[in-house]
């Protein structure tokens, strides 16, 4: 029996693309499964039939009515790779993101070439910020060491006799920070 005529391609589930290739898709419930693009309508129709056999469609919904078994349907077309609309949308989304990133990198490279003074200013800003944060962290560690030492002194029953701006606190801070790093190293080795 000749194939059923459907649309411009004359086969069920097969559409001709403007490029001349043939795209195949089949529905499974609410999901539309893309079966791929083929060079000829006959190959595309065979791929549709192979997928229809896998989905246990009735024989009347096949393109080729002289195919009676699953093996014959697979012989007409190799097992296709089923692609859902969700997979295709995910691929499109990744492609858009990739294009955005590539365009951003190209624009930044062009900007760096045209405005080297901005690059130098940015590098200076980050160097100054890193130095300032290092100073702030060192000051925070020093104040913490001072507070710990005063707490230890008060807990031992004594009174604190150093003021917070005394140079001796730097020595105490170095002593405590050395002990803290050794304790941390011991904990890491356990």
C-alpha atoms as a PDB file:
ATOM      1  CA  UNK A   1       0.000   0.000   0.000  1.00  0.00           C
ATOM      2  CA  UNK A   2       1.445   3.460  -0.829  1.00  0.00           C
ATOM      3  CA  UNK A   3       2.268   5.843   2.009  1.00  0.00           C
ATOM      4  CA  UNK A   4      -0.442   8.145   3.322  1.00  0.00           C
ATOM      5  CA  UNK A   5      -0.145  11.639   2.001  1.00  0.00           C
ATOM      6  CA  UNK A   6       0.239  14.287   4.684  1.00  0.00           C
ATOM      7  CA  UNK A   7       1.054  17.941   4.065  1.00  0.00           C
ATOM      8  CA  UNK A   8       3.934  18.982   1.860  1.00  0.00           C
ATOM      9  CA  UNK A   9       6.125  16.017   2.810  1.00  0.00           C
ATOM     10  CA  UNK A  10       3.303  13.484   2.195  1.00  0.00           C
ATOM     11  CA  UNK A  11       4.190  11.585   5.405  1.00  0.00           C
ATOM     12  CA  UNK A  12       2.764  11.641   8.922  1.00  0.00           C
ATOM     13  CA  UNK A  13       4.920  13.602  11.414  1.00  0.00           C
ATOM     14  CA  UNK A  14       7.355  14.819   8.717  1.00  0.00           C
ATOM     15  CA  UNK A  15       7.776  18.481   7.780  1.00  0.00           C
ATOM     16  CA  UNK A  16       9.962  19.914   5.073  1.00  0.00           C
ATOM     17  CA  UNK A  17      12.304  22.684   6.191  1.00  0.00           C
ATOM     18  CA  UNK A  18      13.117  25.703   3.999  1.00  0.00           C
ATOM     19  CA  UNK A  19      16.620  24.246   3.638  1.00  0.00           C
ATOM     20  CA  UNK A  20      15.184  21.169   1.925  1.00  0.00           C
ATOM     21  CA  UNK A  21      15.809  18.820   4.877  1.00  0.00           C
ATOM     22  CA  UNK A  22      12.971  16.925   6.557  1.00  0.00           C
ATOM     23  CA  UNK A  23      12.237  17.270  10.271  1.00  0.00           C
ATOM     24  CA  UNK A  24      10.365  14.543  12.160  1.00  0.00           C
ATOM     25  CA  UNK A  25       8.440  14.745  15.408  1.00  0.00           C
ATOM     26  CA  UNK A  26       5.917  12.545  17.193  1.00  0.00           C
ATOM     27  CA  UNK A  27       3.630  13.251  20.117  1.00  0.00           C
ATOM     28  CA  UNK A  28       3.520  11.114  23.232  1.00  0.00           C
ATOM     29  CA  UNK A  29       0.722  12.397  25.427  1.00  0.00           C
ATOM     30  CA  UNK A  30       1.387  16.092  26.024  1.00  0.00           C
ATOM     31  CA  UNK A  31       5.062  15.801  25.090  1.00  0.00           C
ATOM     32  CA  UNK A  32       6.289  16.476  21.564  1.00  0.00           C
ATOM     33  CA  UNK A  33       9.370  14.394  20.775  1.00  0.00           C
ATOM     34  CA  UNK A  34      11.722  15.668  18.070  1.00  0.00           C
ATOM     35  CA  UNK A  35      13.265  12.772  16.180  1.00  0.00           C
ATOM     36  CA  UNK A  36      15.773  14.763  14.151  1.00  0.00           C
ATOM     37  CA  UNK A  37      16.375  16.053  10.647  1.00  0.00           C
ATOM     38  CA  UNK A  38      16.873  13.789   7.635  1.00  0.00           C
ATOM     39  CA  UNK A  39      17.944  14.350   4.044  1.00  0.00           C
ATOM     40  CA  UNK A  40      14.960  12.597   2.465  1.00  0.00           C
ATOM     41  CA  UNK A  41      11.293  12.395   3.366  1.00  0.00           C
ATOM     42  CA  UNK A  42      11.455   8.589   3.095  1.00  0.00           C
ATOM     43  CA  UNK A  43      14.178   8.357   5.801  1.00  0.00           C
ATOM     44  CA  UNK A  44      12.218  10.748   8.000  1.00  0.00           C
ATOM     45  CA  UNK A  45       9.035   8.689   7.589  1.00  0.00           C
ATOM     46  CA  UNK A  46      10.955   5.553   8.553  1.00  0.00           C
ATOM     47  CA  UNK A  47      12.219   7.256  11.712  1.00  0.00           C
ATOM     48  CA  UNK A  48       8.625   8.215  12.553  1.00  0.00           C
ATOM     49  CA  UNK A  49       7.460   4.626  12.115  1.00  0.00           C
ATOM     50  CA  UNK A  50      10.281   3.270  14.302  1.00  0.00           C
ATOM     51  CA  UNK A  51       9.311   5.688  17.088  1.00  0.00           C
ATOM     52  CA  UNK A  52       5.604   4.860  16.612  1.00  0.00           C
ATOM     53  CA  UNK A  53       6.391   1.158  17.095  1.00  0.00           C
ATOM     54  CA  UNK A  54       8.314   1.965  20.298  1.00  0.00           C
ATOM     55  CA  UNK A  55       5.355   3.996  21.555  1.00  0.00           C
ATOM     56  CA  UNK A  56       3.042   1.077  20.619  1.00  0.00           C
ATOM     57  CA  UNK A  57       0.923   3.101  18.196  1.00  0.00           C
ATOM     58  CA  UNK A  58      -1.713   1.286  16.105  1.00  0.00           C
ATOM     59  CA  UNK A  59      -0.674   0.093  12.675  1.00  0.00           C
ATOM     60  CA  UNK A  60      -3.066   2.588  11.062  1.00  0.00           C
ATOM     61  CA  UNK A  61      -0.954   5.486  12.398  1.00  0.00           C
ATOM     62  CA  UNK A  62       2.167   4.345  10.562  1.00  0.00           C
ATOM     63  CA  UNK A  63       3.519   5.835   7.364  1.00  0.00           C
ATOM     64  CA  UNK A  64       4.368   2.474   5.817  1.00  0.00           C
ATOM     65  CA  UNK A  65       1.607  -0.130   6.017  1.00  0.00           C
ATOM     66  CA  UNK A  66       3.783  -2.967   4.739  1.00  0.00           C
ATOM     67  CA  UNK A  67       5.740  -2.975   8.022  1.00  0.00           C
ATOM     68  CA  UNK A  68       4.257  -5.531  10.424  1.00  0.00           C
ATOM     69  CA  UNK A  69       6.890  -5.968  13.136  1.00  0.00           C
ATOM     70  CA  UNK A  70       9.082  -3.788  15.274  1.00  0.00           C
ATOM     71  CA  UNK A  71      12.185  -5.265  13.666  1.00  0.00           C
ATOM     72  CA  UNK A  72      10.950  -4.289  10.220  1.00  0.00           C
ATOM     73  CA  UNK A  73      10.266  -0.740  11.460  1.00  0.00           C
ATOM     74  CA  UNK A  74      13.783  -0.515  12.892  1.00  0.00           C
ATOM     75  CA  UNK A  75      15.234  -1.848   9.652  1.00  0.00           C
ATOM     76  CA  UNK A  76      13.531   0.976   7.760  1.00  0.00           C
ATOM     77  CA  UNK A  77      15.146   3.544  10.050  1.00  0.00           C
ATOM     78  CA  UNK A  78      17.837   3.158  12.731  1.00  0.00           C
ATOM     79  CA  UNK A  79      16.687   3.857  16.285  1.00  0.00           C
ATOM     80  CA  UNK A  80      16.351   7.633  16.526  1.00  0.00           C
ATOM     81  CA  UNK A  81      17.470   9.804  19.379  1.00  0.00           C
ATOM     82  CA  UNK A  82      14.340  11.271  20.974  1.00  0.00           C
ATOM     83  CA  UNK A  83      14.618  14.934  21.926  1.00  0.00           C
ATOM     84  CA  UNK A  84      11.879  16.691  23.863  1.00  0.00           C
ATOM     85  CA  UNK A  85      10.889  20.342  23.583  1.00  0.00           C
ATOM     86  CA  UNK A  86      12.307  20.839  27.072  1.00  0.00           C
ATOM     87  CA  UNK A  87      15.731  19.600  25.892  1.00  0.00           C
ATOM     88  CA  UNK A  88      15.601  21.916  22.886  1.00  0.00           C
ATOM     89  CA  UNK A  89      14.649  24.918  25.041  1.00  0.00           C
ATOM     90  CA  UNK A  90      17.473  24.147  27.472  1.00  0.00           C
ATOM     91  CA  UNK A  91      19.899  23.999  24.552  1.00  0.00           C
ATOM     92  CA  UNK A  92      18.629  27.338  23.203  1.00  0.00           C
ATOM     93  CA  UNK A  93      18.961  28.906  26.671  1.00  0.00           C
ATOM     94  CA  UNK A  94      22.564  27.680  27.009  1.00  0.00           C
ATOM     95  CA  UNK A  95      23.373  28.976  23.526  1.00  0.00           C
ATOM     96  CA  UNK A  96      21.960  32.433  24.370  1.00  0.00           C
ATOM     97  CA  UNK A  97      23.969  32.555  27.606  1.00  0.00           C
ATOM     98  CA  UNK A  98      27.117  31.531  25.774  1.00  0.00           C
ATOM     99  CA  UNK A  99      26.591  34.256  23.162  1.00  0.00           C
ATOM    100  CA  UNK A 100      26.023  36.844  25.908  1.00  0.00           C
ATOM    101  CA  UNK A 101      29.219  35.818  27.711  1.00  0.00           C
ATOM    102  CA  UNK A 102      31.260  35.851  24.502  1.00  0.00           C
ATOM    103  CA  UNK A 103      29.894  39.275  23.548  1.00  0.00           C
ATOM    104  CA  UNK A 104      30.665  40.584  27.044  1.00  0.00           C
ATOM    105  CA  UNK A 105      34.238  39.310  26.882  1.00  0.00           C
ATOM    106  CA  UNK A 106      34.715  40.835  23.431  1.00  0.00           C
ATOM    107  CA  UNK A 107      33.335  44.184  24.617  1.00  0.00           C
ATOM    108  CA  UNK A 108      35.597  44.185  27.710  1.00  0.00           C
ATOM    109  CA  UNK A 109      38.682  43.370  25.609  1.00  0.00           C
ATOM    110  CA  UNK A 110      37.834  46.236  23.258  1.00  0.00           C
ATOM    111  CA  UNK A 111      37.278  48.571  26.227  1.00  0.00           C
ATOM    112  CA  UNK A 112      40.655  47.647  27.747  1.00  0.00           C
ATOM    113  CA  UNK A 113      42.402  48.432  24.459  1.00  0.00           C
ATOM    114  CA  UNK A 114      40.698  51.791  24.037  1.00  0.00           C
ATOM    115  CA  UNK A 115      40.922  52.954  27.673  1.00  0.00           C
ATOM    116  CA  UNK A 116      44.113  51.686  29.357  1.00  0.00           C
ATOM    117  CA  UNK A 117      43.886  54.500  31.942  1.00  0.00           C
ATOM    118  CA  UNK A 118      40.611  53.003  33.236  1.00  0.00           C
ATOM    119  CA  UNK A 119      42.273  49.623  33.616  1.00  0.00           C
ATOM    120  CA  UNK A 120      45.140  51.216  35.575  1.00  0.00           C
ATOM    121  CA  UNK A 121      42.653  53.087  37.796  1.00  0.00           C
ATOM    122  CA  UNK A 122      40.702  49.887  38.458  1.00  0.00           C
ATOM    123  CA  UNK A 123      43.876  47.976  39.356  1.00  0.00           C
ATOM    124  CA  UNK A 124      44.919  50.793  41.703  1.00  0.00           C
ATOM    125  CA  UNK A 125      41.479  50.764  43.345  1.00  0.00           C
ATOM    126  CA  UNK A 126      41.629  47.031  44.018  1.00  0.00           C
ATOM    127  CA  UNK A 127      45.216  47.208  45.319  1.00  0.00           C
ATOM    128  CA  UNK A 128      44.245  50.027  47.718  1.00  0.00           C
ATOM    129  CA  UNK A 129      41.128  48.159  48.841  1.00  0.00           C
ATOM    130  CA  UNK A 130      43.089  44.963  49.487  1.00  0.00           C
ATOM    131  CA  UNK A 131      45.663  46.876  51.547  1.00  0.00           C
ATOM    132  CA  UNK A 132      42.925  48.680  53.518  1.00  0.00           C
ATOM    133  CA  UNK A 133      41.133  45.423  54.282  1.00  0.00           C
ATOM    134  CA  UNK A 134      44.392  43.823  55.393  1.00  0.00           C
ATOM    135  CA  UNK A 135      44.958  46.719  57.794  1.00  0.00           C
ATOM    136  CA  UNK A 136      41.383  46.447  59.089  1.00  0.00           C
ATOM    137  CA  UNK A 137      41.788  42.707  59.678  1.00  0.00           C
ATOM    138  CA  UNK A 138      45.065  43.215  61.527  1.00  0.00           C
ATOM    139  CA  UNK A 139      43.434  45.883  63.721  1.00  0.00           C
ATOM    140  CA  UNK A 140      40.494  43.583  64.409  1.00  0.00           C
ATOM    141  CA  UNK A 141      42.855  40.770  65.427  1.00  0.00           C
ATOM    142  CA  UNK A 142      44.753  43.154  67.699  1.00  0.00           C
ATOM    143  CA  UNK A 143      41.551  44.325  69.407  1.00  0.00           C
ATOM    144  CA  UNK A 144      40.413  40.719  69.806  1.00  0.00           C
ATOM    145  CA  UNK A 145      43.727  39.782  71.394  1.00  0.00           C
ATOM    146  CA  UNK A 146      43.406  42.758  73.740  1.00  0.00           C
ATOM    147  CA  UNK A 147      39.902  41.700  74.766  1.00  0.00           C
ATOM    148  CA  UNK A 148      40.976  38.079  75.323  1.00  0.00           C
ATOM    149  CA  UNK A 149      43.973  39.136  77.403  1.00  0.00           C
ATOM    150  CA  UNK A 150      41.899  41.470  79.532  1.00  0.00           C
ATOM    151  CA  UNK A 151      39.286  38.754  80.061  1.00  0.00           C
ATOM    152  CA  UNK A 152      41.992  36.281  81.106  1.00  0.00           C
ATOM    153  CA  UNK A 153      43.472  38.845  83.474  1.00  0.00           C
ATOM    154  CA  UNK A 154      40.123  39.736  85.019  1.00  0.00           C
ATOM    155  CA  UNK A 155      39.160  36.043  85.331  1.00  0.00           C
ATOM    156  CA  UNK A 156      42.431  35.403  87.161  1.00  0.00           C
ATOM    157  CA  UNK A 157      41.347  37.961  89.743  1.00  0.00           C
ATOM    158  CA  UNK A 158      43.490  40.830  88.589  1.00  0.00           C
ATOM    159  CA  UNK A 159      42.779  44.187  87.105  1.00  0.00           C
ATOM    160  CA  UNK A 160      43.758  45.291  83.657  1.00  0.00           C
ATOM    161  CA  UNK A 161      46.687  47.695  83.905  1.00  0.00           C
ATOM    162  CA  UNK A 162      47.230  48.358  80.190  1.00  0.00           C
ATOM    163  CA  UNK A 163      45.289  50.909  78.226  1.00  0.00           C
ATOM    164  CA  UNK A 164      44.054  49.966  74.766  1.00  0.00           C
ATOM    165  CA  UNK A 165      46.605  52.181  73.019  1.00  0.00           C
ATOM    166  CA  UNK A 166      49.608  50.773  74.917  1.00  0.00           C
ATOM    167  CA  UNK A 167      52.377  49.256  72.747  1.00  0.00           C
ATOM    168  CA  UNK A 168      52.562  46.204  75.004  1.00  0.00           C
ATOM    169  CA  UNK A 169      49.257  45.003  73.565  1.00  0.00           C
ATOM    170  CA  UNK A 170      50.943  44.478  70.215  1.00  0.00           C
ATOM    171  CA  UNK A 171      53.318  42.043  71.928  1.00  0.00           C
ATOM    172  CA  UNK A 172      50.364  40.289  73.577  1.00  0.00           C
ATOM    173  CA  UNK A 173      48.576  40.166  70.221  1.00  0.00           C
ATOM    174  CA  UNK A 174      51.608  38.537  68.550  1.00  0.00           C
ATOM    175  CA  UNK A 175      51.871  36.018  71.378  1.00  0.00           C
ATOM    176  CA  UNK A 176      48.166  35.083  71.181  1.00  0.00           C
ATOM    177  CA  UNK A 177      48.047  35.023  67.394  1.00  0.00           C
ATOM    178  CA  UNK A 178      51.043  32.644  67.367  1.00  0.00           C
ATOM    179  CA  UNK A 179      49.286  30.348  69.838  1.00  0.00           C
ATOM    180  CA  UNK A 180      46.067  30.482  67.849  1.00  0.00           C
ATOM    181  CA  UNK A 181      47.761  29.483  64.608  1.00  0.00           C
ATOM    182  CA  UNK A 182      49.520  26.547  66.336  1.00  0.00           C
ATOM    183  CA  UNK A 183      46.218  25.359  67.819  1.00  0.00           C
ATOM    184  CA  UNK A 184      44.590  25.595  64.395  1.00  0.00           C
ATOM    185  CA  UNK A 185      47.432  23.576  62.849  1.00  0.00           C
ATOM    186  CA  UNK A 186      47.062  20.891  65.533  1.00  0.00           C
ATOM    187  CA  UNK A 187      43.296  20.685  64.913  1.00  0.00           C
ATOM    188  CA  UNK A 188      43.870  20.319  61.168  1.00  0.00           C
ATOM    189  CA  UNK A 189      46.372  17.493  61.640  1.00  0.00           C
ATOM    190  CA  UNK A 190      43.975  15.417  63.790  1.00  0.00           C
END
